[in-house]
Amino acid sequence: MNISVGSLIKWYEEYSDGIVKDAGTGILVQIRGPRPYGNSYKVYRNKFKDFIWVSQTCIEKIEYEDIDNRT
């Protein structure tokens, strides 16, 4: 996954059975890893104005077009 600190991301919170409990957008602020089970990511959640730690399976990078560099 090509993701770095400052990336705009979509985060997910899941129940233990994998059903999504909540989701939203946020900004990646810290990466912990490598770890045997994968990296951990600290995300600022816009929806709640707080921080959470999530696993790699619970985030997606949001791709967007830089409007200043459009051709």
N, C-alpha and C. Protein backbone atom coordinates (compact mmCIF):
# COMPACT_ATOMS: atom_id res chain seq x y z
N MET A 1 0.85 -1.17 0.00
CA MET A 1 0.00 0.00 0.00
C MET A 1 0.90 1.24 0.00
N ASN A 2 0.66 2.13 -0.92
CA ASN A 2 1.43 3.37 -1.04
C ASN A 2 0.75 4.46 -0.23
N ILE A 3 1.06 4.51 1.05
CA ILE A 3 0.41 5.46 1.95
C ILE A 3 1.47 6.07 2.84
N SER A 4 1.33 7.34 3.14
CA SER A 4 2.32 8.02 3.97
C SER A 4 1.61 9.01 4.90
N VAL A 5 2.36 9.48 5.88
CA VAL A 5 1.82 10.45 6.83
C VAL A 5 1.32 11.67 6.05
N GLY A 6 0.14 12.14 6.40
CA GLY A 6 -0.48 13.26 5.71
C GLY A 6 -1.47 12.86 4.64
N SER A 7 -1.54 11.56 4.33
CA SER A 7 -2.47 11.08 3.30
C SER A 7 -3.92 11.21 3.77
N LEU A 8 -4.78 11.56 2.84
CA LEU A 8 -6.22 11.56 3.09
C LEU A 8 -6.69 10.11 2.96
N ILE A 9 -7.37 9.61 3.98
CA ILE A 9 -7.75 8.20 3.98
C ILE A 9 -9.22 8.02 4.37
N LYS A 10 -9.74 6.83 4.06
CA LYS A 10 -11.04 6.39 4.54
C LYS A 10 -10.76 5.32 5.58
N TRP A 11 -11.33 5.46 6.76
CA TRP A 11 -11.11 4.50 7.84
C TRP A 11 -12.40 3.71 8.11
N TYR A 12 -12.22 2.54 8.68
CA TYR A 12 -13.33 1.65 9.04
C TYR A 12 -13.12 1.15 10.46
N GLU A 13 -14.19 1.01 11.22
CA GLU A 13 -14.19 0.27 12.48
C GLU A 13 -15.06 -0.95 12.25
N GLU A 14 -14.56 -2.11 12.68
CA GLU A 14 -15.29 -3.35 12.44
C GLU A 14 -15.61 -4.05 13.75
N TYR A 15 -16.72 -4.78 13.74
CA TYR A 15 -17.00 -5.72 14.82
C TYR A 15 -16.08 -6.92 14.65
N SER A 16 -16.00 -7.79 15.64
CA SER A 16 -15.09 -8.93 15.58
C SER A 16 -15.41 -9.89 14.44
N ASP A 17 -16.65 -9.87 13.94
CA ASP A 17 -17.01 -10.76 12.84
C ASP A 17 -16.77 -10.12 11.46
N GLY A 18 -16.18 -8.91 11.44
CA GLY A 18 -15.83 -8.27 10.17
C GLY A 18 -16.88 -7.33 9.61
N ILE A 19 -18.02 -7.23 10.26
CA ILE A 19 -19.05 -6.29 9.80
C ILE A 19 -18.63 -4.88 10.18
N VAL A 20 -18.77 -3.94 9.25
CA VAL A 20 -18.36 -2.56 9.50
C VAL A 20 -19.32 -1.89 10.47
N LYS A 21 -18.75 -1.36 11.56
CA LYS A 21 -19.52 -0.67 12.58
C LYS A 21 -19.65 0.81 12.26
N ASP A 22 -18.56 1.40 11.74
CA ASP A 22 -18.55 2.83 11.44
C ASP A 22 -17.45 3.09 10.43
N ALA A 23 -17.55 4.21 9.71
CA ALA A 23 -16.54 4.57 8.71
C ALA A 23 -16.56 6.08 8.52
N GLY A 24 -15.49 6.60 7.96
CA GLY A 24 -15.40 8.02 7.70
C GLY A 24 -14.08 8.37 7.04
N THR A 25 -13.82 9.66 6.91
CA THR A 25 -12.55 10.11 6.33
C THR A 25 -11.67 10.68 7.42
N GLY A 26 -10.38 10.74 7.12
CA GLY A 26 -9.44 11.29 8.08
C GLY A 26 -8.08 11.49 7.45
N ILE A 27 -7.12 11.83 8.29
CA ILE A 27 -5.75 12.09 7.86
C ILE A 27 -4.82 11.17 8.64
N LEU A 28 -3.92 10.52 7.93
CA LEU A 28 -2.94 9.64 8.56
C LEU A 28 -1.88 10.49 9.24
N VAL A 29 -1.68 10.29 10.55
CA VAL A 29 -0.73 11.11 11.30
C VAL A 29 0.49 10.34 11.80
N GLN A 30 0.41 9.01 11.89
CA GLN A 30 1.56 8.23 12.36
C GLN A 30 1.45 6.79 11.89
N ILE A 31 2.62 6.17 11.62
CA ILE A 31 2.67 4.76 11.22
C ILE A 31 3.58 4.03 12.19
N ARG A 32 3.10 2.91 12.74
CA ARG A 32 3.91 2.03 13.60
C ARG A 32 4.14 0.73 12.85
N GLY A 33 5.37 0.32 12.78
CA GLY A 33 5.66 -0.94 12.12
C GLY A 33 7.12 -0.99 11.74
N PRO A 34 7.58 -2.00 11.08
CA PRO A 34 6.79 -3.19 10.76
C PRO A 34 6.58 -4.07 11.99
N ARG A 35 5.49 -4.75 11.98
CA ARG A 35 5.12 -5.68 13.06
C ARG A 35 4.78 -7.02 12.43
N PRO A 36 4.84 -8.09 13.20
CA PRO A 36 4.55 -9.42 12.62
C PRO A 36 3.16 -9.50 11.99
N TYR A 37 2.19 -8.78 12.53
CA TYR A 37 0.82 -8.84 12.03
C TYR A 37 0.49 -7.67 11.12
N GLY A 38 1.46 -6.81 10.80
CA GLY A 38 1.24 -5.66 9.92
C GLY A 38 1.39 -4.35 10.66
N ASN A 39 1.41 -3.28 9.92
CA ASN A 39 1.56 -1.95 10.50
C ASN A 39 0.29 -1.50 11.21
N SER A 40 0.46 -0.55 12.14
CA SER A 40 -0.66 0.14 12.77
C SER A 40 -0.61 1.59 12.33
N TYR A 41 -1.78 2.19 12.19
CA TYR A 41 -1.87 3.54 11.66
C TYR A 41 -2.69 4.41 12.61
N LYS A 42 -2.13 5.57 12.97
CA LYS A 42 -2.86 6.53 13.79
C LYS A 42 -3.55 7.51 12.85
N VAL A 43 -4.86 7.63 13.01
CA VAL A 43 -5.68 8.41 12.09
C VAL A 43 -6.44 9.49 12.87
N TYR A 44 -6.40 10.71 12.34
CA TYR A 44 -7.27 11.77 12.84
C TYR A 44 -8.60 11.63 12.13
N ARG A 45 -9.68 11.41 12.89
CA ARG A 45 -11.00 11.22 12.29
C ARG A 45 -11.73 12.56 12.24
N ASN A 46 -12.04 13.01 11.03
CA ASN A 46 -12.76 14.28 10.86
C ASN A 46 -14.13 14.23 11.51
N LYS A 47 -14.79 13.09 11.41
CA LYS A 47 -16.16 12.93 11.91
C LYS A 47 -16.27 13.17 13.42
N PHE A 48 -15.28 12.67 14.17
CA PHE A 48 -15.33 12.75 15.63
C PHE A 48 -14.31 13.72 16.22
N LYS A 49 -13.43 14.25 15.37
CA LYS A 49 -12.37 15.16 15.81
C LYS A 49 -11.51 14.51 16.90
N ASP A 50 -11.12 13.25 16.65
CA ASP A 50 -10.27 12.53 17.59
C ASP A 50 -9.27 11.66 16.82
N PHE A 51 -8.49 10.87 17.55
CA PHE A 51 -7.49 9.99 16.96
C PHE A 51 -7.81 8.55 17.32
N ILE A 52 -7.56 7.64 16.39
CA ILE A 52 -7.67 6.20 16.67
C ILE A 52 -6.50 5.48 16.00
N TRP A 53 -6.19 4.31 16.52
CA TRP A 53 -5.22 3.41 15.89
C TRP A 53 -5.99 2.33 15.16
N VAL A 54 -5.64 2.08 13.90
CA VAL A 54 -6.31 1.05 13.10
C VAL A 54 -5.26 0.20 12.40
N SER A 55 -5.67 -0.98 11.98
CA SER A 55 -4.78 -1.86 11.22
C SER A 55 -4.84 -1.51 9.74
N GLN A 56 -3.95 -2.11 8.99
CA GLN A 56 -3.87 -1.85 7.55
C GLN A 56 -5.13 -2.25 6.82
N THR A 57 -5.84 -3.23 7.33
CA THR A 57 -7.07 -3.68 6.67
C THR A 57 -8.23 -2.72 6.87
N CYS A 58 -8.08 -1.74 7.76
CA CYS A 58 -9.18 -0.83 8.08
C CYS A 58 -8.99 0.58 7.52
N ILE A 59 -8.06 0.74 6.58
CA ILE A 59 -7.90 2.05 5.94
C ILE A 59 -7.72 1.88 4.44
N GLU A 60 -8.11 2.91 3.70
CA GLU A 60 -7.90 3.00 2.26
C GLU A 60 -7.44 4.41 1.94
N LYS A 61 -6.47 4.53 1.07
CA LYS A 61 -6.04 5.86 0.64
C LYS A 61 -7.06 6.42 -0.33
N ILE A 62 -7.42 7.69 -0.14
CA ILE A 62 -8.34 8.36 -1.05
C ILE A 62 -7.50 9.06 -2.12
N GLU A 63 -7.70 8.66 -3.35
CA GLU A 63 -6.99 9.29 -4.47
C GLU A 63 -7.79 10.51 -4.91
N TYR A 64 -7.11 11.59 -5.15
CA TYR A 64 -7.77 12.80 -5.60
C TYR A 64 -6.88 13.51 -6.60
N GLU A 65 -7.48 14.37 -7.38
CA GLU A 65 -6.75 15.11 -8.39
C GLU A 65 -6.33 16.46 -7.82
N ASP A 66 -5.05 16.77 -7.99
CA ASP A 66 -4.54 18.06 -7.55
C ASP A 66 -5.02 19.13 -8.53
N ILE A 67 -5.94 20.00 -8.10
CA ILE A 67 -6.56 20.95 -9.02
C ILE A 67 -5.57 22.00 -9.53
N ASP A 68 -4.45 22.19 -8.83
CA ASP A 68 -3.46 23.16 -9.29
C ASP A 68 -2.60 22.61 -10.42
N ASN A 69 -2.56 21.29 -10.59
CA ASN A 69 -1.70 20.67 -11.60
C ASN A 69 -2.49 19.98 -12.70
N ARG A 70 -3.74 20.34 -12.90
CA ARG A 70 -4.54 19.73 -13.97
C ARG A 70 -4.04 20.23 -15.32
N THR A 71 -4.16 19.36 -16.32
CA THR A 71 -3.77 19.77 -17.68
C THR A 71 -4.97 19.78 -18.57
